[in-house]
Amino acid sequence: MLQLNQSYSQLFQHVLMPILDCYQVPQEERKYIMSFYIQGIIAIITQWLKDDCKEGIELVMQVIQRCIKQPKENL
């Protein structure tokens, strides 16, 4: 789990941070937003593992994508 958290942290550092820059999200909010997304993704994967990976990985990926996408009117 720790390696997963570190991997997501690096991903968000290189992917999410430029997006946060683009939308001018205040610096003091960024660590909370990154934590929110990282913990949410980990929670989805943890639930999938608890269910013995019964659903396909494609479904899990769709759920994650649905959770992190913003409606177009918010962009």
C-alpha atoms as a PDB file:
ATOM      1  CA  MET A   1       0.000   0.000   0.000  1.00  0.00           C
ATOM      2  CA  LEU A   2       2.879   2.355   0.805  1.00  0.00           C
ATOM      3  CA  GLN A   3       4.458   1.806  -2.622  1.00  0.00           C
ATOM      4  CA  LEU A   4       1.087   2.440  -4.246  1.00  0.00           C
ATOM      5  CA  ASN A   5       0.682   5.679  -2.305  1.00  0.00           C
ATOM      6  CA  GLN A   6       4.181   6.790  -3.353  1.00  0.00           C
ATOM      7  CA  SER A   7       3.480   5.931  -6.990  1.00  0.00           C
ATOM      8  CA  TYR A   8       0.272   7.952  -6.952  1.00  0.00           C
ATOM      9  CA  SER A   9       2.080  10.828  -5.278  1.00  0.00           C
ATOM     10  CA  GLN A  10       4.610  10.908  -8.105  1.00  0.00           C
ATOM     11  CA  LEU A  11       1.849  10.640 -10.701  1.00  0.00           C
ATOM     12  CA  PHE A  12      -0.047  13.527  -9.193  1.00  0.00           C
ATOM     13  CA  GLN A  13       3.117  15.561  -8.854  1.00  0.00           C
ATOM     14  CA  HIS A  14       3.742  15.296 -12.593  1.00  0.00           C
ATOM     15  CA  VAL A  15       0.139  15.175 -13.850  1.00  0.00           C
ATOM     16  CA  LEU A  16      -2.186  16.857 -11.377  1.00  0.00           C
ATOM     17  CA  MET A  17       0.086  19.712 -10.357  1.00  0.00           C
ATOM     18  CA  PRO A  18       0.237  21.175 -13.888  1.00  0.00           C
ATOM     19  CA  ILE A  19      -3.565  20.977 -14.030  1.00  0.00           C
ATOM     20  CA  LEU A  20      -3.847  22.704 -10.656  1.00  0.00           C
ATOM     21  CA  ASP A  21      -1.467  25.362 -11.989  1.00  0.00           C
ATOM     22  CA  CYS A  22      -3.624  25.821 -15.073  1.00  0.00           C
ATOM     23  CA  TYR A  23      -6.758  26.337 -12.954  1.00  0.00           C
ATOM     24  CA  GLN A  24      -4.862  28.535 -10.496  1.00  0.00           C
ATOM     25  CA  VAL A  25      -5.718  26.406  -7.462  1.00  0.00           C
ATOM     26  CA  PRO A  26      -4.151  28.063  -4.402  1.00  0.00           C
ATOM     27  CA  GLN A  27      -0.938  26.407  -3.225  1.00  0.00           C
ATOM     28  CA  GLU A  28      -2.255  25.843   0.316  1.00  0.00           C
ATOM     29  CA  GLU A  29      -5.179  23.758  -1.045  1.00  0.00           C
ATOM     30  CA  ARG A  30      -3.168  21.503  -3.330  1.00  0.00           C
ATOM     31  CA  LYS A  31      -1.932  18.985  -0.753  1.00  0.00           C
ATOM     32  CA  TYR A  32      -5.522  18.421   0.374  1.00  0.00           C
ATOM     33  CA  ILE A  33      -6.818  17.954  -3.139  1.00  0.00           C
ATOM     34  CA  MET A  34      -4.017  15.513  -3.970  1.00  0.00           C
ATOM     35  CA  SER A  35      -4.659  13.580  -0.752  1.00  0.00           C
ATOM     36  CA  PHE A  36      -8.373  13.405  -1.566  1.00  0.00           C
ATOM     37  CA  TYR A  37      -7.759  11.864  -4.985  1.00  0.00           C
ATOM     38  CA  ILE A  38      -5.003   9.507  -3.852  1.00  0.00           C
ATOM     39  CA  GLN A  39      -7.023   8.158  -0.918  1.00  0.00           C
ATOM     40  CA  GLY A  40     -10.146   7.836  -3.062  1.00  0.00           C
ATOM     41  CA  ILE A  41      -8.361   5.799  -5.713  1.00  0.00           C
ATOM     42  CA  ILE A  42      -6.770   3.608  -3.061  1.00  0.00           C
ATOM     43  CA  ALA A  43     -10.214   3.067  -1.464  1.00  0.00           C
ATOM     44  CA  ILE A  44     -11.665   1.880  -4.772  1.00  0.00           C
ATOM     45  CA  ILE A  45      -8.774  -0.532  -5.347  1.00  0.00           C
ATOM     46  CA  THR A  46      -8.956  -1.768  -1.741  1.00  0.00           C
ATOM     47  CA  GLN A  47     -12.671  -2.526  -2.119  1.00  0.00           C
ATOM     48  CA  TRP A  48     -11.998  -4.349  -5.379  1.00  0.00           C
ATOM     49  CA  LEU A  49      -9.325  -6.454  -3.638  1.00  0.00           C
ATOM     50  CA  LYS A  50     -11.677  -7.202  -0.703  1.00  0.00           C
ATOM     51  CA  ASP A  51     -14.182  -8.488  -3.267  1.00  0.00           C
ATOM     52  CA  ASP A  52     -11.484 -10.863  -4.578  1.00  0.00           C
ATOM     53  CA  CYS A  53     -11.188  -8.895  -7.838  1.00  0.00           C
ATOM     54  CA  LYS A  54     -14.520 -10.312  -9.045  1.00  0.00           C
ATOM     55  CA  GLU A  55     -15.164  -7.421 -11.426  1.00  0.00           C
ATOM     56  CA  GLY A  56     -12.851  -6.869 -14.342  1.00  0.00           C
ATOM     57  CA  ILE A  57     -10.125  -4.274 -14.146  1.00  0.00           C
ATOM     58  CA  GLU A  58     -11.891  -2.344 -16.923  1.00  0.00           C
ATOM     59  CA  LEU A  59     -14.869  -1.725 -14.611  1.00  0.00           C
ATOM     60  CA  VAL A  60     -12.604  -0.594 -11.777  1.00  0.00           C
ATOM     61  CA  MET A  61     -10.832   1.786 -14.142  1.00  0.00           C
ATOM     62  CA  GLN A  62     -14.182   3.181 -15.311  1.00  0.00           C
ATOM     63  CA  VAL A  63     -15.271   3.780 -11.710  1.00  0.00           C
ATOM     64  CA  ILE A  64     -12.022   5.609 -10.932  1.00  0.00           C
ATOM     65  CA  GLN A  65     -12.325   7.713 -14.070  1.00  0.00           C
ATOM     66  CA  ARG A  66     -15.937   8.565 -13.278  1.00  0.00           C
ATOM     67  CA  CYS A  67     -14.965   9.640  -9.775  1.00  0.00           C
ATOM     68  CA  ILE A  68     -12.157  11.933 -10.852  1.00  0.00           C
ATOM     69  CA  LYS A  69     -13.769  13.548 -13.888  1.00  0.00           C
ATOM     70  CA  GLN A  70     -15.371  16.934 -13.426  1.00  0.00           C
ATOM     71  CA  PRO A  71     -18.560  17.839 -15.289  1.00  0.00           C
ATOM     72  CA  LYS A  72     -17.716  19.932 -18.363  1.00  0.00           C
ATOM     73  CA  GLU A  73     -19.538  22.968 -16.978  1.00  0.00           C
ATOM     74  CA  ASN A  74     -17.006  23.100 -14.088  1.00  0.00           C
ATOM     75  CA  LEU A  75     -13.989  23.256 -16.399  1.00  0.00           C
END
